[in-house]
Amino acid sequence: MARYTGSVCRLCRREGCKLFLKGERCYSAKCAVNKRPTPPGQHGQARQRKMSEYGLQLREKQKIRRSYGVLETQFRRNFDKASRLKGVTGENMLSLLERRLDNVVYRLGLASSRPQARQFVRHGHVTVDGKKVNIPSYLVTVGEVIAVREKSRDVERFKIVREGITQVLPKWLSFDAENLTGSVLALPQREDAEASFAEHLVVEYYSK
């Protein structure tokens, strides 16, 4: 499947905010958004015109899509599924994105970023209810247990986690660092999203 392979720091600069795609680097002085807070490209420092309503909607859609690391087709499929569920479409969309296995691995602290979490899942380091799952878009459900495979526990990142990495867990997840296992306690709600999104703009974008 096609995947963006360019500099992820360019994505943060384009959206004008940190998307936390490079783990610890995003919290350091080396963060590109801190060093060069302008859009990439030769015209990045030029005077910015007032953005149109469509432009605002597009940028918000791109920000959410890039934060969770999904392609346009995947994102649209996720939106269409959210629109068929009961409740508010925008909130349903964020809930579905939060339930992605790669995002859950990241939110549990097993990975320092979503791209790293996606790599761990694809390489078969993660199990769900004891079975290996290597599909990053797999949607977890209440009661499922996410764990690191026994054969994968010597990976350096997992050693760091077992030694006591501090991680603020969302209330819908629980985590046992010693055994490298986490559980889904409930379905994520709108307030559980890590970043601040204006998801209603995405609804407006796709409603045209």
N, C-alpha and C. Protein backbone atom coordinates (compact mmCIF):
# COMPACT_ATOMS: atom_id res chain seq x y z
N MET A 1 0.84 -1.19 0.00
CA MET A 1 0.00 0.00 0.00
C MET A 1 0.88 1.25 0.00
N ALA A 2 0.47 2.30 -0.71
CA ALA A 2 1.23 3.55 -0.75
C ALA A 2 1.31 4.15 0.64
N ARG A 3 2.43 4.79 0.92
CA ARG A 3 2.62 5.41 2.22
C ARG A 3 3.53 6.61 2.05
N TYR A 4 3.24 7.68 2.77
CA TYR A 4 4.08 8.86 2.72
C TYR A 4 5.45 8.53 3.29
N THR A 5 6.52 8.82 2.52
CA THR A 5 7.87 8.48 2.95
C THR A 5 8.76 9.71 3.08
N GLY A 6 8.19 10.90 2.94
CA GLY A 6 8.97 12.12 3.08
C GLY A 6 9.18 12.50 4.53
N SER A 7 9.70 13.69 4.75
CA SER A 7 9.94 14.18 6.10
C SER A 7 8.62 14.46 6.82
N VAL A 8 8.42 13.82 7.96
CA VAL A 8 7.18 14.05 8.70
C VAL A 8 7.17 15.42 9.35
N CYS A 9 8.36 15.99 9.54
CA CYS A 9 8.42 17.34 10.11
C CYS A 9 7.80 18.36 9.16
N ARG A 10 7.89 18.10 7.86
CA ARG A 10 7.26 18.98 6.88
C ARG A 10 5.74 18.99 7.06
N LEU A 11 5.19 17.84 7.43
CA LEU A 11 3.75 17.76 7.64
C LEU A 11 3.33 18.64 8.82
N CYS A 12 4.12 18.61 9.89
CA CYS A 12 3.81 19.44 11.05
C CYS A 12 3.89 20.92 10.68
N ARG A 13 4.93 21.28 9.94
CA ARG A 13 5.09 22.68 9.54
C ARG A 13 3.95 23.11 8.62
N ARG A 14 3.52 22.21 7.75
CA ARG A 14 2.42 22.55 6.84
C ARG A 14 1.13 22.80 7.59
N GLU A 15 0.89 22.03 8.63
CA GLU A 15 -0.34 22.21 9.40
C GLU A 15 -0.21 23.28 10.47
N GLY A 16 1.02 23.75 10.69
CA GLY A 16 1.22 24.82 11.64
C GLY A 16 1.10 24.41 13.09
N CYS A 17 1.26 23.11 13.38
CA CYS A 17 1.18 22.63 14.76
C CYS A 17 1.89 21.30 14.87
N LYS A 18 2.18 20.89 16.08
CA LYS A 18 2.86 19.62 16.30
C LYS A 18 1.87 18.47 16.15
N LEU A 19 2.24 17.49 15.31
CA LEU A 19 1.43 16.29 15.14
C LEU A 19 2.04 15.12 15.90
N PHE A 20 3.19 15.35 16.53
CA PHE A 20 3.88 14.35 17.36
C PHE A 20 4.15 13.06 16.58
N LEU A 21 4.79 13.23 15.43
CA LEU A 21 5.08 12.10 14.55
C LEU A 21 6.49 11.56 14.73
N LYS A 22 7.32 12.23 15.56
CA LYS A 22 8.70 11.78 15.75
C LYS A 22 9.03 11.52 17.21
N GLY A 23 8.03 11.19 18.00
CA GLY A 23 8.29 10.80 19.38
C GLY A 23 8.92 11.89 20.23
N GLU A 24 10.01 11.52 20.94
CA GLU A 24 10.66 12.42 21.88
C GLU A 24 11.18 13.69 21.21
N ARG A 25 11.56 13.60 19.94
CA ARG A 25 12.09 14.78 19.25
C ARG A 25 11.09 15.93 19.24
N CYS A 26 9.80 15.60 19.20
CA CYS A 26 8.76 16.63 19.14
C CYS A 26 8.73 17.46 20.42
N TYR A 27 9.28 16.93 21.52
CA TYR A 27 9.27 17.64 22.80
C TYR A 27 10.59 18.36 23.05
N SER A 28 11.54 18.23 22.12
CA SER A 28 12.85 18.83 22.31
C SER A 28 12.99 20.12 21.52
N ALA A 29 14.13 20.79 21.71
CA ALA A 29 14.41 22.03 20.99
C ALA A 29 14.65 21.79 19.51
N LYS A 30 14.85 20.54 19.12
CA LYS A 30 15.10 20.20 17.72
C LYS A 30 13.83 20.14 16.88
N CYS A 31 12.69 20.26 17.52
CA CYS A 31 11.42 20.18 16.80
C CYS A 31 11.37 21.22 15.69
N ALA A 32 11.03 20.78 14.49
CA ALA A 32 11.01 21.68 13.33
C ALA A 32 9.98 22.79 13.47
N VAL A 33 8.88 22.53 14.15
CA VAL A 33 7.85 23.56 14.32
C VAL A 33 8.38 24.70 15.18
N ASN A 34 9.23 24.38 16.15
CA ASN A 34 9.83 25.41 17.00
C ASN A 34 10.90 26.19 16.24
N LYS A 35 11.69 25.47 15.45
CA LYS A 35 12.82 26.10 14.76
C LYS A 35 12.36 26.89 13.52
N ARG A 36 11.38 26.33 12.78
CA ARG A 36 10.90 26.99 11.56
C ARG A 36 9.38 26.95 11.52
N PRO A 37 8.74 27.85 12.23
CA PRO A 37 7.26 27.85 12.33
C PRO A 37 6.57 28.43 11.11
N THR A 38 7.06 28.09 9.92
CA THR A 38 6.43 28.54 8.68
C THR A 38 6.18 27.34 7.79
N PRO A 39 5.21 27.41 6.88
CA PRO A 39 4.96 26.29 5.97
C PRO A 39 6.20 25.98 5.14
N PRO A 40 6.43 24.73 4.74
CA PRO A 40 7.59 24.38 3.92
C PRO A 40 7.47 24.94 2.51
N GLY A 41 8.58 24.97 1.80
CA GLY A 41 8.56 25.47 0.43
C GLY A 41 9.10 26.88 0.32
N GLN A 42 9.42 27.30 -0.89
CA GLN A 42 10.02 28.60 -1.10
C GLN A 42 9.11 29.77 -0.78
N HIS A 43 7.80 29.51 -0.75
CA HIS A 43 6.86 30.59 -0.45
C HIS A 43 6.33 30.50 0.99
N GLY A 44 6.96 29.67 1.79
CA GLY A 44 6.46 29.45 3.14
C GLY A 44 6.49 30.69 4.01
N GLN A 45 7.50 31.56 3.78
CA GLN A 45 7.62 32.74 4.62
C GLN A 45 6.89 33.96 4.04
N ALA A 46 6.29 33.77 2.89
CA ALA A 46 5.56 34.87 2.27
C ALA A 46 4.32 35.21 3.10
N ARG A 47 3.80 36.40 2.91
CA ARG A 47 2.61 36.82 3.65
C ARG A 47 1.43 35.93 3.30
N GLN A 48 0.82 35.38 4.32
CA GLN A 48 -0.28 34.45 4.12
C GLN A 48 -1.60 35.20 3.93
N ARG A 49 -2.34 34.82 2.90
CA ARG A 49 -3.66 35.40 2.69
C ARG A 49 -4.66 34.78 3.64
N LYS A 50 -5.75 35.51 3.86
CA LYS A 50 -6.79 34.97 4.71
C LYS A 50 -7.35 33.71 4.08
N MET A 51 -7.42 32.65 4.87
CA MET A 51 -7.84 31.36 4.34
C MET A 51 -9.35 31.32 4.16
N SER A 52 -9.78 30.71 3.07
CA SER A 52 -11.20 30.58 2.79
C SER A 52 -11.83 29.54 3.70
N GLU A 53 -13.15 29.49 3.68
CA GLU A 53 -13.86 28.49 4.48
C GLU A 53 -13.47 27.08 4.04
N TYR A 54 -13.39 26.88 2.73
CA TYR A 54 -12.97 25.58 2.21
C TYR A 54 -11.54 25.25 2.65
N GLY A 55 -10.67 26.26 2.64
CA GLY A 55 -9.29 26.05 3.05
C GLY A 55 -9.19 25.61 4.50
N LEU A 56 -9.98 26.22 5.37
CA LEU A 56 -10.00 25.84 6.78
C LEU A 56 -10.45 24.40 6.95
N GLN A 57 -11.49 24.02 6.21
CA GLN A 57 -12.01 22.65 6.29
C GLN A 57 -10.97 21.65 5.80
N LEU A 58 -10.31 21.97 4.70
CA LEU A 58 -9.30 21.09 4.14
C LEU A 58 -8.13 20.91 5.09
N ARG A 59 -7.66 22.01 5.67
CA ARG A 59 -6.51 21.93 6.57
C ARG A 59 -6.84 21.11 7.82
N GLU A 60 -8.06 21.25 8.33
CA GLU A 60 -8.44 20.47 9.52
C GLU A 60 -8.52 18.99 9.18
N LYS A 61 -9.05 18.68 8.00
CA LYS A 61 -9.12 17.29 7.56
C LYS A 61 -7.72 16.70 7.44
N GLN A 62 -6.82 17.47 6.83
CA GLN A 62 -5.44 17.00 6.66
C GLN A 62 -4.74 16.85 8.00
N LYS A 63 -5.00 17.75 8.93
CA LYS A 63 -4.36 17.68 10.24
C LYS A 63 -4.76 16.41 10.98
N ILE A 64 -6.05 16.09 10.97
CA ILE A 64 -6.51 14.89 11.65
C ILE A 64 -5.99 13.64 10.95
N ARG A 65 -6.07 13.64 9.63
CA ARG A 65 -5.62 12.47 8.86
C ARG A 65 -4.14 12.21 9.08
N ARG A 66 -3.34 13.25 9.06
CA ARG A 66 -1.90 13.08 9.24
C ARG A 66 -1.53 12.74 10.67
N SER A 67 -2.29 13.25 11.62
CA SER A 67 -2.02 12.92 13.03
C SER A 67 -2.14 11.42 13.28
N TYR A 68 -3.18 10.82 12.69
CA TYR A 68 -3.39 9.39 12.89
C TYR A 68 -2.69 8.54 11.84
N GLY A 69 -2.07 9.18 10.84
CA GLY A 69 -1.27 8.46 9.86
C GLY A 69 -2.07 7.58 8.92
N VAL A 70 -3.21 8.06 8.45
CA VAL A 70 -4.02 7.27 7.53
C VAL A 70 -4.06 7.95 6.16
N LEU A 71 -4.21 7.15 5.13
CA LEU A 71 -4.30 7.67 3.78
C LEU A 71 -5.68 8.26 3.52
N GLU A 72 -5.81 9.00 2.44
CA GLU A 72 -7.07 9.66 2.13
C GLU A 72 -8.22 8.67 1.98
N THR A 73 -7.97 7.57 1.26
CA THR A 73 -9.02 6.57 1.05
C THR A 73 -9.45 5.95 2.37
N GLN A 74 -8.48 5.65 3.24
CA GLN A 74 -8.79 5.09 4.56
C GLN A 74 -9.59 6.08 5.39
N PHE A 75 -9.17 7.33 5.32
CA PHE A 75 -9.83 8.36 6.12
C PHE A 75 -11.28 8.54 5.68
N ARG A 76 -11.51 8.57 4.37
CA ARG A 76 -12.87 8.73 3.86
C ARG A 76 -13.72 7.53 4.23
N ARG A 77 -13.13 6.34 4.18
CA ARG A 77 -13.87 5.14 4.56
C ARG A 77 -14.26 5.21 6.04
N ASN A 78 -13.35 5.72 6.86
CA ASN A 78 -13.61 5.87 8.28
C ASN A 78 -14.74 6.88 8.51
N PHE A 79 -14.73 7.98 7.74
CA PHE A 79 -15.78 8.99 7.87
C PHE A 79 -17.13 8.42 7.47
N ASP A 80 -17.16 7.68 6.37
CA ASP A 80 -18.42 7.10 5.90
C ASP A 80 -18.99 6.13 6.94
N LYS A 81 -18.10 5.37 7.58
CA LYS A 81 -18.56 4.44 8.62
C LYS A 81 -19.11 5.22 9.81
N ALA A 82 -18.44 6.30 10.17
CA ALA A 82 -18.88 7.12 11.30
C ALA A 82 -20.24 7.75 11.03
N SER A 83 -20.48 8.13 9.78
CA SER A 83 -21.75 8.78 9.42
C SER A 83 -22.93 7.81 9.51
N ARG A 84 -22.65 6.52 9.45
CA ARG A 84 -23.73 5.52 9.53
C ARG A 84 -24.03 5.11 10.96
N LEU A 85 -23.19 5.51 11.90
CA LEU A 85 -23.40 5.17 13.30
C LEU A 85 -24.33 6.18 13.96
N LYS A 86 -24.96 5.77 15.04
CA LYS A 86 -25.81 6.69 15.80
C LYS A 86 -24.92 7.70 16.51
N GLY A 87 -25.42 8.91 16.65
CA GLY A 87 -24.66 9.93 17.35
C GLY A 87 -24.12 10.98 16.40
N VAL A 88 -23.17 11.77 16.91
CA VAL A 88 -22.57 12.86 16.16
C VAL A 88 -21.46 12.31 15.26
N THR A 89 -21.55 12.59 13.98
CA THR A 89 -20.61 12.00 13.02
C THR A 89 -19.16 12.32 13.34
N GLY A 90 -18.87 13.58 13.65
CA GLY A 90 -17.49 13.97 13.94
C GLY A 90 -16.93 13.24 15.14
N GLU A 91 -17.73 13.10 16.19
CA GLU A 91 -17.28 12.40 17.39
C GLU A 91 -17.11 10.91 17.11
N ASN A 92 -18.02 10.35 16.33
CA ASN A 92 -17.89 8.94 15.95
C ASN A 92 -16.60 8.70 15.16
N MET A 93 -16.27 9.65 14.29
CA MET A 93 -15.06 9.53 13.47
C MET A 93 -13.81 9.49 14.35
N LEU A 94 -13.72 10.39 15.32
CA LEU A 94 -12.56 10.42 16.21
C LEU A 94 -12.50 9.17 17.07
N SER A 95 -13.65 8.66 17.48
CA SER A 95 -13.69 7.44 18.28
C SER A 95 -13.15 6.25 17.49
N LEU A 96 -13.53 6.16 16.22
CA LEU A 96 -13.03 5.08 15.37
C LEU A 96 -11.53 5.19 15.17
N LEU A 97 -11.03 6.40 14.98
CA LEU A 97 -9.59 6.60 14.81
C LEU A 97 -8.83 6.24 16.08
N GLU A 98 -9.39 6.57 17.23
CA GLU A 98 -8.75 6.23 18.50
C GLU A 98 -8.69 4.73 18.71
N ARG A 99 -9.65 4.01 18.17
CA ARG A 99 -9.72 2.56 18.37
C ARG A 99 -8.80 1.76 17.44
N ARG A 100 -8.14 2.42 16.51
CA ARG A 100 -7.19 1.73 15.64
C ARG A 100 -6.09 1.11 16.50
N LEU A 101 -5.66 -0.09 16.14
CA LEU A 101 -4.68 -0.80 16.95
C LEU A 101 -3.37 -0.03 17.06
N ASP A 102 -2.91 0.59 15.95
CA ASP A 102 -1.66 1.32 16.04
C ASP A 102 -1.77 2.50 16.99
N ASN A 103 -2.94 3.15 17.02
CA ASN A 103 -3.14 4.25 17.95
C ASN A 103 -3.18 3.76 19.39
N VAL A 104 -3.82 2.61 19.63
CA VAL A 104 -3.89 2.06 20.97
C VAL A 104 -2.50 1.69 21.49
N VAL A 105 -1.68 1.10 20.63
CA VAL A 105 -0.30 0.78 21.02
C VAL A 105 0.44 2.05 21.41
N TYR A 106 0.22 3.12 20.67
CA TYR A 106 0.85 4.41 20.98
C TYR A 106 0.31 4.98 22.29
N ARG A 107 -1.00 4.97 22.47
CA ARG A 107 -1.60 5.57 23.66
C ARG A 107 -1.25 4.78 24.92
N LEU A 108 -0.94 3.49 24.77
CA LEU A 108 -0.52 2.69 25.92
C LEU A 108 0.93 3.00 26.32
N GLY A 109 1.66 3.70 25.44
CA GLY A 109 3.05 4.01 25.73
C GLY A 109 4.03 2.99 25.22
N LEU A 110 3.54 1.99 24.49
CA LEU A 110 4.42 0.96 23.95
C LEU A 110 5.27 1.50 22.79
N ALA A 111 4.87 2.61 22.22
CA ALA A 111 5.62 3.26 21.14
C ALA A 111 5.68 4.76 21.44
N SER A 112 6.73 5.41 20.95
CA SER A 112 6.90 6.84 21.21
C SER A 112 6.14 7.71 20.23
N SER A 113 5.62 7.10 19.15
CA SER A 113 4.85 7.85 18.15
C SER A 113 3.94 6.87 17.42
N ARG A 114 2.96 7.39 16.72
CA ARG A 114 2.07 6.52 15.97
C ARG A 114 2.79 5.81 14.82
N PRO A 115 3.72 6.49 14.10
CA PRO A 115 4.47 5.77 13.07
C PRO A 115 5.25 4.58 13.63
N GLN A 116 5.85 4.76 14.81
CA GLN A 116 6.57 3.65 15.43
C GLN A 116 5.60 2.55 15.85
N ALA A 117 4.45 2.94 16.37
CA ALA A 117 3.44 1.96 16.76
C ALA A 117 2.97 1.16 15.55
N ARG A 118 2.77 1.83 14.43
CA ARG A 118 2.35 1.15 13.20
C ARG A 118 3.41 0.12 12.77
N GLN A 119 4.66 0.50 12.90
CA GLN A 119 5.75 -0.41 12.54
C GLN A 119 5.76 -1.63 13.45
N PHE A 120 5.55 -1.43 14.75
CA PHE A 120 5.52 -2.55 15.69
C PHE A 120 4.40 -3.53 15.33
N VAL A 121 3.23 -2.97 14.99
CA VAL A 121 2.10 -3.83 14.63
C VAL A 121 2.39 -4.60 13.35
N ARG A 122 2.89 -3.91 12.34
CA ARG A 122 3.18 -4.57 11.06
C ARG A 122 4.25 -5.65 11.18
N HIS A 123 5.18 -5.47 12.09
CA HIS A 123 6.25 -6.44 12.27
C HIS A 123 5.84 -7.60 13.18
N GLY A 124 4.59 -7.61 13.62
CA GLY A 124 4.09 -8.74 14.38
C GLY A 124 4.47 -8.78 15.83
N HIS A 125 4.79 -7.62 16.42
CA HIS A 125 5.18 -7.57 17.83
C HIS A 125 3.98 -7.54 18.78
N VAL A 126 2.78 -7.34 18.24
CA VAL A 126 1.60 -7.10 19.09
C VAL A 126 0.57 -8.20 18.93
N THR A 127 -0.07 -8.55 20.05
CA THR A 127 -1.16 -9.54 20.02
C THR A 127 -2.43 -8.90 20.58
N VAL A 128 -3.56 -9.42 20.15
CA VAL A 128 -4.86 -9.02 20.68
C VAL A 128 -5.55 -10.29 21.15
N ASP A 129 -5.82 -10.35 22.45
CA ASP A 129 -6.39 -11.56 23.06
C ASP A 129 -5.57 -12.80 22.73
N GLY A 130 -4.25 -12.64 22.75
CA GLY A 130 -3.34 -13.77 22.56
C GLY A 130 -3.04 -14.13 21.12
N LYS A 131 -3.67 -13.46 20.16
CA LYS A 131 -3.45 -13.78 18.76
C LYS A 131 -2.70 -12.62 18.08
N LYS A 132 -1.69 -12.95 17.30
CA LYS A 132 -0.92 -11.91 16.62
C LYS A 132 -1.80 -11.19 15.61
N VAL A 133 -1.76 -9.88 15.66
CA VAL A 133 -2.50 -9.03 14.71
C VAL A 133 -1.50 -8.05 14.11
N ASN A 134 -1.34 -8.09 12.80
CA ASN A 134 -0.39 -7.20 12.14
C ASN A 134 -1.07 -6.20 11.21
N ILE A 135 -2.33 -5.86 11.55
CA ILE A 135 -3.10 -4.90 10.77
C ILE A 135 -3.29 -3.63 11.61
N PRO A 136 -2.59 -2.55 11.28
CA PRO A 136 -2.67 -1.32 12.08
C PRO A 136 -4.08 -0.76 12.21
N SER A 137 -4.94 -0.98 11.20
CA SER A 137 -6.29 -0.41 11.21
C SER A 137 -7.29 -1.27 11.97
N TYR A 138 -6.85 -2.37 12.55
CA TYR A 138 -7.74 -3.24 13.32
C TYR A 138 -8.40 -2.41 14.43
N LEU A 139 -9.71 -2.51 14.57
CA LEU A 139 -10.45 -1.75 15.58
C LEU A 139 -10.63 -2.59 16.85
N VAL A 140 -10.09 -2.10 17.95
CA VAL A 140 -10.22 -2.82 19.20
C VAL A 140 -11.62 -2.62 19.76
N THR A 141 -12.05 -3.55 20.60
CA THR A 141 -13.36 -3.46 21.23
C THR A 141 -13.20 -3.63 22.74
N VAL A 142 -14.25 -3.29 23.46
CA VAL A 142 -14.21 -3.36 24.92
C VAL A 142 -13.91 -4.79 25.38
N GLY A 143 -12.99 -4.92 26.32
CA GLY A 143 -12.64 -6.22 26.88
C GLY A 143 -11.43 -6.86 26.25
N GLU A 144 -10.99 -6.39 25.10
CA GLU A 144 -9.84 -7.00 24.44
C GLU A 144 -8.54 -6.61 25.16
N VAL A 145 -7.59 -7.52 25.11
CA VAL A 145 -6.30 -7.33 25.77
C VAL A 145 -5.21 -7.20 24.71
N ILE A 146 -4.51 -6.10 24.73
CA ILE A 146 -3.41 -5.87 23.79
C ILE A 146 -2.11 -6.11 24.52
N ALA A 147 -1.22 -6.89 23.93
CA ALA A 147 0.03 -7.24 24.61
C ALA A 147 1.17 -7.35 23.61
N VAL A 148 2.39 -7.31 24.15
CA VAL A 148 3.59 -7.52 23.35
C VAL A 148 3.90 -9.01 23.34
N ARG A 149 4.18 -9.55 22.17
CA ARG A 149 4.51 -10.97 22.06
C ARG A 149 5.72 -11.32 22.93
N GLU A 150 5.72 -12.51 23.49
CA GLU A 150 6.81 -12.94 24.35
C GLU A 150 8.15 -12.86 23.64
N LYS A 151 8.18 -13.22 22.36
CA LYS A 151 9.43 -13.23 21.60
C LYS A 151 9.91 -11.82 21.26
N SER A 152 9.05 -10.83 21.45
CA SER A 152 9.41 -9.46 21.07
C SER A 152 9.79 -8.59 22.26
N ARG A 153 9.82 -9.14 23.44
CA ARG A 153 10.02 -8.31 24.63
C ARG A 153 11.44 -7.83 24.83
N ASP A 154 12.37 -8.31 23.99
CA ASP A 154 13.75 -7.84 24.06
C ASP A 154 13.98 -6.61 23.20
N VAL A 155 12.96 -6.15 22.46
CA VAL A 155 13.07 -4.92 21.68
C VAL A 155 13.36 -3.76 22.65
N GLU A 156 14.31 -2.90 22.28
CA GLU A 156 14.79 -1.85 23.19
C GLU A 156 13.67 -0.99 23.74
N ARG A 157 12.72 -0.61 22.89
CA ARG A 157 11.63 0.25 23.34
C ARG A 157 10.82 -0.43 24.44
N PHE A 158 10.56 -1.72 24.30
CA PHE A 158 9.77 -2.44 25.28
C PHE A 158 10.53 -2.60 26.59
N LYS A 159 11.85 -2.70 26.51
CA LYS A 159 12.67 -2.75 27.74
C LYS A 159 12.53 -1.46 28.52
N ILE A 160 12.53 -0.33 27.80
CA ILE A 160 12.39 0.98 28.43
C ILE A 160 11.03 1.09 29.13
N VAL A 161 10.00 0.58 28.46
CA VAL A 161 8.65 0.63 29.04
C VAL A 161 8.59 -0.19 30.33
N ARG A 162 9.20 -1.36 30.33
CA ARG A 162 9.17 -2.23 31.51
C ARG A 162 9.95 -1.64 32.66
N GLU A 163 10.94 -0.78 32.35
CA GLU A 163 11.75 -0.17 33.40
C GLU A 163 11.04 1.00 34.07
N GLY A 164 9.87 1.37 33.53
CA GLY A 164 9.06 2.37 34.23
C GLY A 164 8.91 3.69 33.52
N ILE A 165 8.61 3.68 32.23
CA ILE A 165 8.34 4.92 31.51
C ILE A 165 7.04 5.53 32.03
N THR A 166 7.04 6.84 32.20
CA THR A 166 5.82 7.50 32.66
C THR A 166 4.91 7.80 31.48
N GLN A 167 3.67 7.42 31.58
CA GLN A 167 2.72 7.60 30.49
C GLN A 167 1.36 7.94 31.06
N VAL A 168 0.77 9.01 30.57
CA VAL A 168 -0.57 9.39 31.00
C VAL A 168 -1.56 8.63 30.13
N LEU A 169 -2.28 7.70 30.75
CA LEU A 169 -3.21 6.87 29.99
C LEU A 169 -4.57 7.54 29.86
N PRO A 170 -5.22 7.37 28.71
CA PRO A 170 -6.62 7.81 28.60
C PRO A 170 -7.47 6.90 29.47
N LYS A 171 -8.58 7.43 29.95
CA LYS A 171 -9.39 6.68 30.92
C LYS A 171 -10.02 5.42 30.35
N TRP A 172 -10.05 5.27 29.02
CA TRP A 172 -10.67 4.09 28.44
C TRP A 172 -9.71 2.92 28.29
N LEU A 173 -8.45 3.12 28.74
CA LEU A 173 -7.45 2.06 28.66
C LEU A 173 -6.81 1.82 30.02
N SER A 174 -6.33 0.60 30.23
CA SER A 174 -5.52 0.29 31.41
C SER A 174 -4.25 -0.39 30.93
N PHE A 175 -3.16 -0.31 31.73
CA PHE A 175 -1.89 -0.85 31.27
C PHE A 175 -1.08 -1.42 32.42
N ASP A 176 -0.49 -2.58 32.18
CA ASP A 176 0.40 -3.25 33.13
C ASP A 176 1.79 -3.25 32.52
N ALA A 177 2.65 -2.32 32.98
CA ALA A 177 3.98 -2.16 32.39
C ALA A 177 4.85 -3.39 32.58
N GLU A 178 4.74 -4.04 33.71
CA GLU A 178 5.58 -5.20 33.98
C GLU A 178 5.33 -6.33 32.98
N ASN A 179 4.07 -6.55 32.66
CA ASN A 179 3.71 -7.62 31.73
C ASN A 179 3.48 -7.14 30.30
N LEU A 180 3.62 -5.81 30.09
CA LEU A 180 3.44 -5.22 28.77
C LEU A 180 2.09 -5.58 28.15
N THR A 181 1.05 -5.43 28.94
CA THR A 181 -0.31 -5.72 28.48
C THR A 181 -1.24 -4.56 28.82
N GLY A 182 -2.18 -4.32 27.94
CA GLY A 182 -3.17 -3.28 28.17
C GLY A 182 -4.56 -3.80 27.86
N SER A 183 -5.54 -3.20 28.47
CA SER A 183 -6.93 -3.63 28.26
C SER A 183 -7.79 -2.45 27.85
N VAL A 184 -8.82 -2.76 27.04
CA VAL A 184 -9.77 -1.74 26.62
C VAL A 184 -10.94 -1.76 27.60
N LEU A 185 -11.05 -0.70 28.39
CA LEU A 185 -12.08 -0.65 29.43
C LEU A 185 -13.41 -0.13 28.91
N ALA A 186 -13.36 0.72 27.90
CA ALA A 186 -14.58 1.32 27.35
C ALA A 186 -14.26 1.87 25.97
N LEU A 187 -15.28 2.26 25.25
CA LEU A 187 -15.06 2.89 23.95
C LEU A 187 -14.64 4.35 24.18
N PRO A 188 -13.69 4.85 23.41
CA PRO A 188 -13.23 6.23 23.60
C PRO A 188 -14.31 7.24 23.27
N GLN A 189 -14.31 8.33 24.02
CA GLN A 189 -15.26 9.41 23.80
C GLN A 189 -14.54 10.61 23.17
N ARG A 190 -15.29 11.63 22.81
CA ARG A 190 -14.71 12.80 22.15
C ARG A 190 -13.58 13.41 22.97
N GLU A 191 -13.75 13.52 24.28
CA GLU A 191 -12.76 14.17 25.12
C GLU A 191 -11.49 13.34 25.29
N ASP A 192 -11.52 12.10 24.82
CA ASP A 192 -10.35 11.23 24.97
C ASP A 192 -9.33 11.43 23.85
N ALA A 193 -9.68 12.18 22.82
CA ALA A 193 -8.72 12.44 21.74
C ALA A 193 -7.56 13.24 22.29
N GLU A 194 -6.33 12.86 21.91
CA GLU A 194 -5.14 13.47 22.49
C GLU A 194 -4.97 14.93 22.08
N ALA A 195 -5.26 15.24 20.84
CA ALA A 195 -5.07 16.60 20.33
C ALA A 195 -6.39 17.34 20.25
N SER A 196 -6.31 18.64 20.03
CA SER A 196 -7.50 19.46 19.90
C SER A 196 -7.87 19.56 18.42
N PHE A 197 -8.99 18.98 18.06
CA PHE A 197 -9.45 18.99 16.67
C PHE A 197 -10.79 19.69 16.55
N ALA A 198 -11.02 20.28 15.39
CA ALA A 198 -12.33 20.86 15.06
C ALA A 198 -12.98 19.92 14.05
N GLU A 199 -13.43 18.79 14.54
CA GLU A 199 -13.92 17.73 13.65
C GLU A 199 -15.16 18.15 12.86
N HIS A 200 -15.88 19.16 13.35
CA HIS A 200 -17.07 19.60 12.61
C HIS A 200 -16.68 20.17 11.24
N LEU A 201 -15.46 20.67 11.12
CA LEU A 201 -15.00 21.18 9.82
C LEU A 201 -14.82 20.05 8.81
N VAL A 202 -14.44 18.87 9.31
CA VAL A 202 -14.30 17.71 8.43
C VAL A 202 -15.67 17.26 7.94
N VAL A 203 -16.65 17.31 8.83
CA VAL A 203 -18.02 16.94 8.45
C VAL A 203 -18.51 17.90 7.35
N GLU A 204 -18.23 19.18 7.54
CA GLU A 204 -18.63 20.18 6.55
C GLU A 204 -17.90 19.95 5.23
N TYR A 205 -16.63 19.57 5.30
CA TYR A 205 -15.83 19.33 4.09
C TYR A 205 -16.42 18.21 3.25
N TYR A 206 -16.77 17.10 3.88
CA TYR A 206 -17.29 15.95 3.15
C TYR A 206 -18.79 16.08 2.82
N SER A 207 -19.43 17.07 3.40
CA SER A 207 -20.87 17.25 3.17
C SER A 207 -21.16 18.09 1.93
N LYS A 208 -20.13 18.62 1.32
CA LYS A 208 -20.35 19.47 0.15
C LYS A 208 -20.81 18.65 -1.05
